[in-house]
Amino acid sequence: MLGGAGILVGVAAGPAQAAEVSYATRCVPPAASGLDPVEGTTKVEITAPATARVGDEVTVVWKFTQAASKNPDLIDLPANSVQPSGTLKAAGAQTADLAMQGPRENPAIPKGGAMVLSDMKGTLKLTTPGEVTLTPDAYSINAFSTDTKCAPTQTVGPAATIEVTGSSTTPSSTPTTTPSTTPSTTPTTTPSTTPSTQPTGSSSASPSDSGQTDFTGKEVSVPYACKTPIGDKNATSPVQIDAKKNGGSFDLTVQFKKSVMDSPADIPADSVKPSMEVALGGSDKGTVHVEGPTNSQAIKSGDPIEIPDLTGTYKPGASGQSTLSPGVLTIKALGTTTTCTPTKSEVSLTLDTTQQAGGASGGDSSGSSGSSSGGTSSSGGLAQTGADDHGTLRALGLVAGTVILLGGAIFTFMPHHRTR
């Protein structure tokens, strides 16, 4: 069984050993959760080779036989929504902080149920002969991208020991490179005297773009302040605005440049609808509404969240140079709305525009000024976590998962009983 656990790395490593250690622990949820810290007991079993040689890279397994406390009476945690990570301290002949992490694998955990955490693994390169002890230290519990931090409140004893044989590995005293005394005969490049007629990475559509129809904006990353049904949180993600000329108007595409996270749980199809108000500045003012489709397919837990493009049409309300920036982002899910507002302005695209009848200038009912209104990058996750119809708490969990994908979780599932 221990061999199957993948403990042995390298032919020199001896049979695996397993030992359990128990220690008092204090777990602290994020401040936004409103939950108090919890005092509990963690029980951990550490598995590692009993013997190995210098130069071996061994795999160490951290198994939770008891988490510090239970899932609070807030919401059911769906299957495959919890991921542990932690630090294992090596001491003795060799000292190191060994990063440990487990997969996001767990059964569904009901409210008040015992926390079930996956086994964590890490690798240690052995460099010095002698006795190396392994001691569990702090760990985190990640649920829907929120971290609950747990740390020992007492001195923890070693849970496993590796006897390392062989000679110490020492760096070679021979220099690896010798400076050449021969001058290079490679000719240096001479700058061209012909002026370039092409723009260098400009995101502006200038008068010299005669006949140009496609305009590529620059990627901007600016923070948002998000208001959700269950709390406030900040989030940041890269966004780019592109345009394609269509008569006197422009077809806009707002792109999220990367998936910000893997899905923490199964996501049903057609669950989340994203939209944005692109902010106008420069010669024009107002906003342009763009929106994306709902997720057309269910997303499996652990799969990357793909962010759909947001599209809409910009009809200029002024002639001159108009700027476009990512603006207020709205996500609707299960009858709830999350709104993220830029806290810093940054322009993604500048266009030369000609005023069109019924155009955008002055169209913003908020009466925004004509000053350049840069946007910020909205955070990327536009999909929700959770499933079907288990009531209001379930719905809040889904919304929390959605906001988490925006880059900052606002809801945590602290593993303890709520204080009565």
Protein backbone atom coordinates (compact mmCIF):
# COMPACT_ATOMS: atom_id res chain seq x y z
CA MET A 1 0.00 0.00 0.00
CA LEU A 2 2.78 2.41 0.90
CA GLY A 3 4.62 1.55 -2.28
CA GLY A 4 1.44 2.39 -4.18
CA ALA A 5 1.38 5.79 -2.51
CA GLY A 6 4.38 6.72 -4.63
CA ILE A 7 6.75 7.36 -1.77
CA LEU A 8 9.85 5.78 -3.27
CA VAL A 9 11.97 7.92 -5.54
CA GLY A 10 15.25 6.45 -6.75
CA VAL A 11 16.56 2.94 -6.23
CA ALA A 12 18.56 3.91 -3.16
CA ALA A 13 15.55 4.92 -1.06
CA GLY A 14 14.55 2.44 1.63
CA PRO A 15 11.08 1.21 2.54
CA ALA A 16 8.53 3.90 3.36
CA GLN A 17 7.63 4.74 6.95
CA ALA A 18 4.56 6.51 8.29
CA ALA A 19 4.10 8.32 11.59
CA GLU A 20 1.32 10.48 13.03
CA VAL A 21 1.68 13.70 15.00
CA SER A 22 -1.03 15.73 16.74
CA TYR A 23 -0.83 19.45 17.50
CA ALA A 24 -2.99 22.37 18.65
CA THR A 25 -3.93 24.64 15.77
CA ARG A 26 -5.46 28.08 15.27
CA CYS A 27 -7.29 28.68 11.99
CA VAL A 28 -8.05 32.21 10.78
CA PRO A 29 -10.52 32.88 7.95
CA PRO A 30 -10.30 35.96 5.68
CA ALA A 31 -11.61 39.12 7.35
CA ALA A 32 -14.41 39.45 4.78
CA SER A 33 -16.01 36.22 6.01
CA GLY A 34 -17.03 37.66 9.37
CA LEU A 35 -16.11 34.38 11.06
CA ASP A 36 -14.05 34.14 14.23
CA PRO A 37 -10.76 32.22 14.46
CA VAL A 38 -11.01 28.61 15.62
CA GLU A 39 -8.86 26.65 18.03
CA GLY A 40 -8.67 22.94 17.28
CA THR A 41 -6.43 19.91 16.94
CA THR A 42 -4.79 18.79 13.74
CA LYS A 43 -3.68 15.19 13.31
CA VAL A 44 -1.26 14.50 10.49
CA GLU A 45 0.43 11.37 9.20
CA ILE A 46 3.72 11.94 7.35
CA THR A 47 5.02 9.21 5.05
CA ALA A 48 8.62 9.20 3.76
CA PRO A 49 11.40 6.72 2.95
CA ALA A 50 13.18 5.39 6.06
CA THR A 51 16.55 5.49 4.29
CA ALA A 52 17.94 7.24 1.23
CA ARG A 53 21.20 8.44 -0.26
CA VAL A 54 22.62 11.90 -0.88
CA GLY A 55 21.39 13.10 -4.26
CA ASP A 56 18.06 11.27 -4.03
CA GLU A 57 14.88 13.26 -4.53
CA VAL A 58 12.25 11.73 -2.29
CA THR A 59 8.49 12.23 -2.25
CA VAL A 60 6.86 12.96 1.09
CA VAL A 61 3.12 12.53 1.72
CA TRP A 62 1.11 14.53 4.28
CA LYS A 63 -2.18 12.85 5.20
CA PHE A 64 -4.80 14.60 7.33
CA THR A 65 -6.28 12.09 9.75
CA GLN A 66 -8.15 14.95 11.46
CA ALA A 67 -8.64 18.56 10.38
CA ALA A 68 -8.71 21.26 13.05
CA SER A 69 -12.52 21.43 13.03
CA LYS A 70 -15.68 20.88 11.02
CA ASN A 71 -17.42 22.62 8.16
CA PRO A 72 -19.50 25.47 9.71
CA ASP A 73 -23.29 25.47 9.59
CA LEU A 74 -23.31 27.87 6.63
CA ILE A 75 -23.48 25.92 3.40
CA ASP A 76 -22.80 22.50 1.93
CA LEU A 77 -19.41 22.26 0.26
CA PRO A 78 -19.75 20.50 -3.12
CA ALA A 79 -17.47 17.67 -4.18
CA ASN A 80 -14.01 18.69 -5.40
CA SER A 81 -14.22 22.25 -4.06
CA VAL A 82 -11.58 22.14 -1.28
CA GLN A 83 -7.79 22.13 -1.76
CA PRO A 84 -5.14 22.00 1.00
CA SER A 85 -1.58 23.34 0.86
CA GLY A 86 1.06 23.66 3.54
CA THR A 87 4.68 23.67 4.67
CA LEU A 88 6.70 20.74 5.98
CA LYS A 89 9.92 21.61 7.79
CA ALA A 90 13.05 19.51 7.26
CA ALA A 91 15.67 19.75 10.02
CA GLY A 92 18.75 17.96 11.32
CA ALA A 93 21.43 17.19 8.76
CA GLN A 94 19.58 19.37 6.26
CA THR A 95 17.13 22.24 6.75
CA ALA A 96 14.45 23.23 4.27
CA ASP A 97 10.84 24.38 4.04
CA LEU A 98 9.10 21.85 1.85
CA ALA A 99 6.03 23.12 -0.02
CA MET A 100 3.15 20.65 0.09
CA GLN A 101 -0.08 20.64 -1.90
CA GLY A 102 -2.98 18.30 -2.44
CA PRO A 103 -5.45 18.05 -5.32
CA ARG A 104 -8.88 19.65 -5.20
CA GLU A 105 -10.51 16.33 -4.40
CA ASN A 106 -13.09 15.81 -1.67
CA PRO A 107 -16.51 14.26 -1.24
CA ALA A 108 -19.47 16.59 -0.76
CA ILE A 109 -19.21 17.95 2.80
CA PRO A 110 -22.53 18.86 4.45
CA LYS A 111 -22.99 21.76 6.84
CA GLY A 112 -21.51 20.74 10.19
CA GLY A 113 -19.75 17.73 8.65
CA ALA A 114 -16.14 16.73 9.22
CA MET A 115 -13.69 18.41 6.84
CA VAL A 116 -12.20 15.88 4.43
CA LEU A 117 -8.90 17.08 2.93
CA SER A 118 -6.89 15.35 0.22
CA ASP A 119 -3.35 14.05 0.80
CA MET A 120 -0.64 16.62 0.16
CA LYS A 121 2.68 15.78 -1.52
CA GLY A 122 6.05 17.44 -1.89
CA THR A 123 9.57 16.48 -2.98
CA LEU A 124 12.84 16.94 -1.12
CA LYS A 125 16.32 16.75 -2.69
CA LEU A 126 18.71 15.24 -0.16
CA THR A 127 22.07 17.02 0.00
CA THR A 128 23.73 16.02 3.29
CA PRO A 129 24.34 12.66 5.02
CA GLY A 130 22.81 12.18 8.44
CA GLU A 131 19.39 12.20 10.04
CA VAL A 132 16.73 14.44 8.45
CA THR A 133 13.53 15.00 10.45
CA LEU A 134 10.21 16.05 8.90
CA THR A 135 7.75 18.17 10.90
CA PRO A 136 4.35 19.51 9.74
CA ASP A 137 3.85 23.27 10.07
CA ALA A 138 1.26 25.80 8.85
CA TYR A 139 -1.32 24.93 6.21
CA SER A 140 -4.16 26.56 4.28
CA ILE A 141 -7.61 25.33 3.29
CA ASN A 142 -8.80 26.79 -0.01
CA ALA A 143 -12.55 26.64 -0.69
CA PHE A 144 -13.94 28.58 -3.66
CA SER A 145 -10.58 30.38 -3.90
CA THR A 146 -10.72 31.74 -0.34
CA ASP A 147 -7.95 30.72 2.04
CA THR A 148 -8.37 29.80 5.68
CA LYS A 149 -4.92 29.99 7.33
CA CYS A 150 -4.08 27.40 10.00
CA ALA A 151 -0.91 27.44 12.10
CA PRO A 152 0.40 25.48 15.12
CA THR A 153 0.01 27.11 18.53
CA GLN A 154 2.53 24.76 20.16
CA THR A 155 5.88 23.20 19.35
CA VAL A 156 5.27 20.31 16.95
CA GLY A 157 7.38 17.17 17.16
CA PRO A 158 8.90 15.41 14.14
CA ALA A 159 6.54 13.04 12.33
CA ALA A 160 9.12 11.16 10.24
CA THR A 161 12.89 10.68 9.97
CA ILE A 162 15.05 9.84 6.94
CA GLU A 163 18.51 8.31 7.43
CA VAL A 164 20.63 9.75 4.60
CA THR A 165 23.87 8.03 3.60
CA GLY A 166 26.60 8.98 1.14
CA SER A 167 28.83 11.99 0.69
CA SER A 168 27.80 15.61 0.83
CA THR A 169 27.26 17.27 -2.50
CA THR A 170 29.67 20.19 -2.89
CA PRO A 171 29.81 22.71 -5.75
CA SER A 172 32.67 22.34 -8.20
CA SER A 173 35.55 24.80 -7.80
CA THR A 174 36.21 24.75 -11.54
CA PRO A 175 34.83 27.85 -13.22
CA THR A 176 32.11 26.96 -15.69
CA THR A 177 32.92 29.68 -18.20
CA THR A 178 36.21 31.27 -19.32
CA PRO A 179 36.18 34.75 -20.81
CA SER A 180 37.32 34.76 -24.43
CA THR A 181 40.36 36.88 -25.33
CA THR A 182 39.51 36.85 -29.02
CA PRO A 183 37.61 39.91 -30.13
CA SER A 184 34.30 39.19 -31.82
CA THR A 185 34.36 39.42 -35.59
CA THR A 186 30.60 39.65 -35.81
CA PRO A 187 29.73 42.98 -37.41
CA THR A 188 27.50 45.28 -35.41
CA THR A 189 24.16 46.20 -36.87
CA THR A 190 23.87 49.71 -38.28
CA PRO A 191 20.67 51.60 -37.73
CA SER A 192 18.69 52.21 -40.86
CA THR A 193 18.64 55.79 -42.12
CA THR A 194 15.27 55.25 -43.75
CA PRO A 195 12.46 56.49 -41.52
CA SER A 196 9.91 53.85 -40.65
CA THR A 197 6.43 54.42 -42.01
CA GLN A 198 4.77 51.90 -39.72
CA PRO A 199 3.46 52.63 -36.21
CA THR A 200 5.27 50.79 -33.43
CA GLY A 201 2.72 49.08 -31.26
CA SER A 202 0.33 52.04 -31.13
CA SER A 203 -3.20 51.34 -29.99
CA SER A 204 -4.42 54.50 -31.72
CA ALA A 205 -6.34 54.83 -34.97
CA SER A 206 -4.71 57.97 -36.37
CA PRO A 207 -5.41 59.88 -39.63
CA SER A 208 -2.43 58.09 -41.22
CA ASP A 209 -4.37 54.83 -40.91
CA SER A 210 -5.98 55.50 -44.27
CA GLY A 211 -8.23 52.61 -45.15
CA GLN A 212 -7.57 50.83 -41.86
CA THR A 213 -10.58 48.95 -40.52
CA ASP A 214 -9.17 46.85 -37.63
CA PHE A 215 -7.73 48.50 -34.54
CA THR A 216 -6.01 46.59 -31.73
CA GLY A 217 -6.04 48.00 -28.24
CA LYS A 218 -3.37 47.52 -25.61
CA GLU A 219 -3.79 45.16 -22.68
CA VAL A 220 -4.50 47.03 -19.45
CA SER A 221 -4.65 45.73 -15.91
CA VAL A 222 -6.37 47.97 -13.40
CA PRO A 223 -8.12 47.22 -10.09
CA TYR A 224 -11.87 46.94 -9.59
CA ALA A 225 -13.93 47.31 -6.41
CA CYS A 226 -16.67 44.67 -6.50
CA LYS A 227 -19.99 44.83 -4.64
CA THR A 228 -21.76 41.52 -4.26
CA PRO A 229 -24.83 40.26 -2.43
CA ILE A 230 -22.57 38.87 0.29
CA GLY A 231 -19.74 41.35 0.65
CA ASP A 232 -17.18 43.63 -1.03
CA LYS A 233 -13.85 42.66 -2.56
CA ASN A 234 -11.16 44.04 -4.85
CA ALA A 235 -10.06 42.29 -8.03
CA THR A 236 -7.62 42.83 -10.91
CA SER A 237 -7.26 41.20 -14.33
CA PRO A 238 -5.86 42.05 -17.80
CA VAL A 239 -8.38 43.32 -20.41
CA GLN A 240 -8.03 44.46 -24.02
CA ILE A 241 -10.47 46.41 -26.22
CA ASP A 242 -10.32 45.93 -30.01
CA ALA A 243 -12.42 47.66 -32.68
CA LYS A 244 -13.46 47.02 -36.28
CA LYS A 245 -14.76 49.92 -38.37
CA ASN A 246 -18.29 49.43 -39.62
CA GLY A 247 -19.34 52.47 -41.64
CA GLY A 248 -19.14 55.41 -39.26
CA SER A 249 -19.40 53.12 -36.22
CA PHE A 250 -17.09 50.56 -34.64
CA ASP A 251 -17.81 46.98 -33.60
CA LEU A 252 -16.09 46.48 -30.24
CA THR A 253 -14.66 43.32 -28.72
CA VAL A 254 -13.52 43.25 -25.08
CA GLN A 255 -11.16 40.37 -24.39
CA PHE A 256 -10.05 38.86 -21.12
CA LYS A 257 -6.52 37.74 -21.91
CA LYS A 258 -6.33 34.67 -19.69
CA SER A 259 -8.31 32.36 -17.50
CA VAL A 260 -7.77 33.50 -13.93
CA MET A 261 -8.42 30.12 -12.32
CA ASP A 262 -9.61 26.58 -12.67
CA SER A 263 -13.19 25.86 -11.79
CA PRO A 264 -13.46 24.92 -8.09
CA ALA A 265 -16.62 22.88 -8.73
CA ASP A 266 -18.92 21.69 -11.51
CA ILE A 267 -20.65 24.64 -13.22
CA PRO A 268 -23.97 24.10 -15.04
CA ALA A 269 -24.47 25.50 -18.55
CA ASP A 270 -26.22 28.87 -19.13
CA SER A 271 -25.62 30.00 -15.56
CA VAL A 272 -23.80 33.33 -15.74
CA LYS A 273 -24.26 36.43 -17.95
CA PRO A 274 -21.44 39.02 -18.09
CA SER A 275 -21.64 42.60 -19.44
CA MET A 276 -19.60 45.80 -19.29
CA GLU A 277 -20.04 49.54 -19.84
CA VAL A 278 -16.98 50.61 -21.84
CA ALA A 279 -16.01 54.13 -20.72
CA LEU A 280 -15.50 56.83 -23.38
CA GLY A 281 -13.15 59.78 -23.03
CA GLY A 282 -11.19 62.29 -25.07
CA SER A 283 -13.46 63.94 -27.63
CA ASP A 284 -16.41 61.71 -26.78
CA LYS A 285 -18.13 60.90 -23.52
CA GLY A 286 -20.60 58.37 -22.20
CA THR A 287 -20.47 54.59 -22.23
CA VAL A 288 -20.88 51.73 -24.69
CA HIS A 289 -22.67 48.56 -23.57
CA VAL A 290 -20.98 45.26 -24.43
CA GLU A 291 -21.99 41.80 -23.28
CA GLY A 292 -21.00 38.17 -23.62
CA PRO A 293 -22.92 34.92 -23.89
CA THR A 294 -23.68 32.66 -20.95
CA ASN A 295 -21.48 29.59 -20.62
CA SER A 296 -22.82 27.26 -23.32
CA GLN A 297 -21.47 24.08 -21.76
CA ALA A 298 -21.10 22.78 -18.24
CA ILE A 299 -17.58 23.20 -16.85
CA LYS A 300 -16.07 20.33 -14.91
CA SER A 301 -14.36 20.92 -11.62
CA GLY A 302 -10.65 21.52 -12.18
CA ASP A 303 -11.07 22.67 -15.80
CA PRO A 304 -9.93 26.21 -16.71
CA ILE A 305 -12.60 28.90 -16.82
CA GLU A 306 -12.72 30.35 -20.34
CA ILE A 307 -13.80 33.99 -20.42
CA PRO A 308 -16.13 34.85 -23.33
CA ASP A 309 -15.54 37.93 -25.47
CA LEU A 310 -17.85 40.86 -24.73
CA THR A 311 -19.16 42.58 -27.89
CA GLY A 312 -21.15 45.70 -28.78
CA THR A 313 -21.25 48.64 -31.20
CA TYR A 314 -19.78 52.10 -30.62
CA LYS A 315 -21.46 54.93 -32.53
CA PRO A 316 -19.31 58.05 -32.04
CA GLY A 317 -21.04 61.13 -30.66
CA ALA A 318 -18.15 63.49 -31.40
CA SER A 319 -15.45 64.09 -33.99
CA GLY A 320 -11.82 63.89 -32.94
CA GLN A 321 -9.83 61.39 -30.91
CA SER A 322 -11.91 59.28 -28.54
CA THR A 323 -10.55 56.91 -25.92
CA LEU A 324 -12.06 53.58 -24.83
CA SER A 325 -11.40 52.02 -21.44
CA PRO A 326 -12.79 48.99 -19.58
CA GLY A 327 -15.57 50.28 -17.33
CA VAL A 328 -18.15 48.92 -14.91
CA LEU A 329 -18.48 45.15 -15.10
CA THR A 330 -21.74 43.42 -14.20
CA ILE A 331 -22.31 39.71 -13.63
CA LYS A 332 -25.81 38.30 -13.25
CA ALA A 333 -26.21 34.83 -11.80
CA LEU A 334 -29.27 33.10 -10.39
CA GLY A 335 -31.25 36.30 -9.97
CA THR A 336 -28.39 38.13 -8.21
CA THR A 337 -26.11 40.87 -9.49
CA THR A 338 -22.43 41.54 -8.81
CA THR A 339 -21.08 44.98 -9.87
CA CYS A 340 -17.37 45.80 -10.19
CA THR A 341 -16.37 49.47 -10.58
CA PRO A 342 -12.90 50.66 -11.70
CA THR A 343 -10.82 52.31 -8.98
CA LYS A 344 -8.17 53.50 -11.43
CA SER A 345 -8.43 54.64 -15.05
CA GLU A 346 -6.44 53.34 -18.00
CA VAL A 347 -7.11 53.65 -21.73
CA SER A 348 -6.96 50.52 -23.88
CA LEU A 349 -7.76 52.02 -27.32
CA THR A 350 -7.82 55.45 -29.01
CA LEU A 351 -9.83 55.98 -32.20
CA ASP A 352 -10.20 58.84 -34.70
CA THR A 353 -13.95 59.34 -34.84
CA THR A 354 -16.53 61.26 -36.86
CA GLN A 355 -19.74 62.28 -35.13
CA GLN A 356 -22.75 60.12 -36.01
CA ALA A 357 -26.42 60.97 -35.55
CA GLY A 358 -27.61 59.55 -32.24
CA GLY A 359 -24.03 58.85 -31.19
CA ALA A 360 -22.68 58.29 -27.70
CA SER A 361 -21.58 61.81 -26.73
CA GLY A 362 -23.63 63.03 -23.79
CA GLY A 363 -25.51 59.77 -23.71
CA ASP A 364 -24.38 58.85 -20.23
CA SER A 365 -27.34 59.62 -17.96
CA SER A 366 -24.96 60.11 -15.05
CA GLY A 367 -23.78 63.34 -16.71
CA SER A 368 -20.13 62.36 -16.89
CA SER A 369 -17.78 65.02 -18.15
CA GLY A 370 -15.97 64.86 -21.44
CA SER A 371 -12.66 64.28 -19.77
CA SER A 372 -10.75 61.16 -20.71
CA SER A 373 -12.28 58.38 -18.73
CA GLY A 374 -9.94 55.48 -18.67
CA GLY A 375 -11.15 52.14 -17.61
CA THR A 376 -9.61 49.42 -15.68
CA SER A 377 -9.14 45.82 -16.32
CA SER A 378 -11.96 43.78 -15.04
CA SER A 379 -11.13 40.61 -13.37
CA GLY A 380 -11.58 37.71 -15.47
CA GLY A 381 -13.78 34.96 -14.20
CA LEU A 382 -17.17 35.08 -15.73
CA ALA A 383 -18.54 31.77 -14.65
CA GLN A 384 -20.05 30.51 -11.45
CA THR A 385 -19.47 27.59 -9.21
CA GLY A 386 -22.02 25.31 -7.72
CA ALA A 387 -25.03 23.51 -9.03
CA ASP A 388 -28.78 23.29 -9.21
CA ASP A 389 -31.31 24.36 -6.61
CA HIS A 390 -30.42 23.73 -3.00
CA GLY A 391 -31.86 27.01 -1.71
CA THR A 392 -30.64 30.47 -0.83
CA LEU A 393 -27.36 29.47 0.79
CA ARG A 394 -26.50 27.41 -2.27
CA ALA A 395 -27.24 30.40 -4.49
CA LEU A 396 -24.96 32.58 -2.36
CA GLY A 397 -22.26 30.00 -2.76
CA LEU A 398 -22.70 30.18 -6.52
CA VAL A 399 -22.43 33.95 -6.52
CA ALA A 400 -19.37 33.72 -4.28
CA GLY A 401 -17.79 31.37 -6.77
CA THR A 402 -18.53 33.83 -9.55
CA VAL A 403 -16.93 36.74 -7.74
CA ILE A 404 -13.98 34.58 -6.82
CA LEU A 405 -13.33 34.09 -10.51
CA LEU A 406 -13.11 37.86 -10.70
CA GLY A 407 -9.86 37.56 -8.84
CA GLY A 408 -10.88 37.97 -5.20
CA ALA A 409 -13.09 35.70 -3.15
CA ILE A 410 -15.59 37.39 -0.86
CA PHE A 411 -16.95 34.35 0.89
CA THR A 412 -15.18 31.67 2.84
CA PHE A 413 -16.19 28.32 4.18
CA MET A 414 -14.34 28.22 7.47
CA PRO A 415 -14.01 24.67 8.83
CA HIS A 416 -15.58 25.16 12.24
CA HIS A 417 -18.94 25.40 13.98
CA ARG A 418 -20.48 28.87 14.03
CA THR A 419 -20.48 30.25 17.59
CA ARG A 420 -24.00 30.12 18.96
